[in-house]
Amino acid sequence: MNQVTTEAMTQESTATLPAPAAAPPRPTRLPQWKVLLHNDRVNYMAYVVAAVVEIVRVQRPDAERAMLEAHHKGVSVLTVTHREHAELLVEQLRSKRLVATAEPDA
C-alpha cells in the first residue's frame, strides 16, 4: 500500500469510531463523621481509657487525652472516619456503658 491509501484508511477508521461514554464522576472519599466521647460522671477514668484503647484502637496517651478533654470540657473527638465505621464504634462504646455519639464532620 502506498502512504496516501494508509492515511485515508487511518482517517476513515478513526472518524467512524463512536466516542466513549463519559463515566459519571466518582467521589474520591466517603463523607467523614466524628466519633464523640461525652463525660458521663459514672465510669472511672481508667475504665474509659481502657475501653477507648480497645475499641477505637488508639494509643493509650491519645485515649487519656480524649478522656481528660471529655472530663473537663464535656465532649472529645475520638476519631474521624466514614459513617458506617463511626456508627459501629459508637455502638461498641455504648456496649461498654460509655456515652458516645457520631456526627458529620464539617
Protein backbone atom coordinates (compact mmCIF):
# COMPACT_ATOMS: atom_id res chain seq x y z
CA MET A 1 0.00 0.00 0.00
CA ASN A 2 1.09 3.48 -0.57
CA GLN A 3 1.19 6.25 2.01
CA VAL A 4 -1.91 8.05 0.68
CA THR A 5 -4.05 4.91 1.00
CA THR A 6 -2.78 4.22 4.55
CA GLU A 7 -3.51 7.80 5.64
CA ALA A 8 -7.00 7.63 4.14
CA MET A 9 -7.72 4.35 5.95
CA THR A 10 -6.45 5.76 9.23
CA GLN A 11 -8.59 8.87 8.92
CA GLU A 12 -11.61 6.83 7.91
CA SER A 13 -11.27 4.29 10.74
CA THR A 14 -10.86 6.95 13.43
CA ALA A 15 -13.71 9.00 12.06
CA THR A 16 -16.17 6.12 12.35
CA LEU A 17 -15.38 5.13 15.94
CA PRO A 18 -18.05 6.17 18.44
CA ALA A 19 -16.99 8.49 21.21
CA PRO A 20 -16.58 6.69 24.53
CA ALA A 21 -19.38 7.35 27.01
CA ALA A 22 -18.35 9.69 29.79
CA ALA A 23 -18.37 7.92 33.14
CA PRO A 24 -20.13 9.73 35.96
CA PRO A 25 -17.71 11.33 38.41
CA ARG A 26 -16.92 9.13 41.39
CA PRO A 27 -16.44 10.55 44.85
CA THR A 28 -12.85 10.38 45.95
CA ARG A 29 -13.65 9.87 49.65
CA LEU A 30 -16.63 8.89 51.72
CA PRO A 31 -18.12 11.70 53.83
CA GLN A 32 -16.37 11.83 57.19
CA TRP A 33 -18.02 11.51 60.61
CA LYS A 34 -16.70 12.36 64.08
CA VAL A 35 -16.98 9.88 66.94
CA LEU A 36 -17.54 11.87 70.13
CA LEU A 37 -16.94 10.77 73.71
CA HIS A 38 -19.08 12.54 76.31
CA ASN A 39 -18.39 12.93 80.02
CA ASP A 40 -20.69 10.65 82.00
CA ARG A 41 -19.73 11.09 85.70
CA VAL A 42 -20.25 7.35 86.23
CA ASN A 43 -17.27 5.45 84.86
CA TYR A 44 -13.78 5.51 86.32
CA MET A 45 -11.22 7.33 84.19
CA ALA A 46 -9.01 4.24 83.84
CA TYR A 47 -12.00 2.22 82.63
CA VAL A 48 -12.83 4.83 79.98
CA VAL A 49 -9.21 4.89 78.77
CA ALA A 50 -9.06 1.08 78.55
CA ALA A 51 -12.35 0.91 76.64
CA VAL A 52 -11.26 3.60 74.17
CA VAL A 53 -7.92 1.86 73.55
CA GLU A 54 -9.69 -1.46 72.99
CA ILE A 55 -12.47 -0.23 70.72
CA VAL A 56 -11.10 2.77 68.84
CA ARG A 57 -7.61 1.26 68.58
CA VAL A 58 -5.73 4.40 69.57
CA GLN A 59 -2.59 4.59 71.67
CA ARG A 60 -3.00 4.97 75.43
CA PRO A 61 -1.75 8.61 75.55
CA ASP A 62 -4.33 9.58 72.90
CA ALA A 63 -7.08 7.79 74.84
CA GLU A 64 -6.02 9.56 78.04
CA ARG A 65 -6.03 12.94 76.30
CA ALA A 66 -9.53 12.29 74.90
CA MET A 67 -10.84 11.11 78.26
CA LEU A 68 -9.45 14.17 80.06
CA GLU A 69 -10.84 16.50 77.43
CA ALA A 70 -14.28 14.91 77.77
CA HIS A 71 -13.95 15.11 81.56
CA HIS A 72 -13.07 18.81 81.58
CA LYS A 73 -14.96 20.12 78.53
CA GLY A 74 -17.85 17.65 78.40
CA VAL A 75 -17.01 16.14 74.99
CA SER A 76 -14.00 15.00 72.98
CA VAL A 77 -13.43 13.80 69.41
CA LEU A 78 -12.08 10.25 69.48
CA THR A 79 -11.65 9.73 65.74
CA VAL A 80 -12.93 10.78 62.32
CA THR A 81 -13.98 8.04 59.90
CA HIS A 82 -16.70 7.13 57.44
CA ARG A 83 -20.28 6.90 58.71
CA GLU A 84 -20.67 3.13 58.94
CA HIS A 85 -17.47 2.74 60.95
CA ALA A 86 -18.39 5.70 63.18
CA GLU A 87 -21.77 4.15 63.97
CA LEU A 88 -20.11 0.81 64.74
CA LEU A 89 -17.65 2.47 67.13
CA VAL A 90 -20.48 4.33 68.88
CA GLU A 91 -22.40 1.09 69.42
CA GLN A 92 -19.30 -0.67 70.75
CA LEU A 93 -18.52 2.21 73.12
CA ARG A 94 -22.11 2.20 74.34
CA SER A 95 -21.87 -1.55 74.97
CA LYS A 96 -19.11 -0.63 77.46
CA ARG A 97 -21.52 1.83 79.16
CA LEU A 98 -19.77 4.92 77.75
CA VAL A 99 -21.66 7.87 76.35
CA ALA A 100 -20.72 8.31 72.69
CA THR A 101 -22.28 9.84 69.60
CA ALA A 102 -21.39 10.35 65.94
CA GLU A 103 -21.96 13.46 63.83
CA PRO A 104 -20.93 14.63 60.36
CA ASP A 105 -17.54 16.28 60.19
CA ALA A 106 -18.00 19.80 58.86
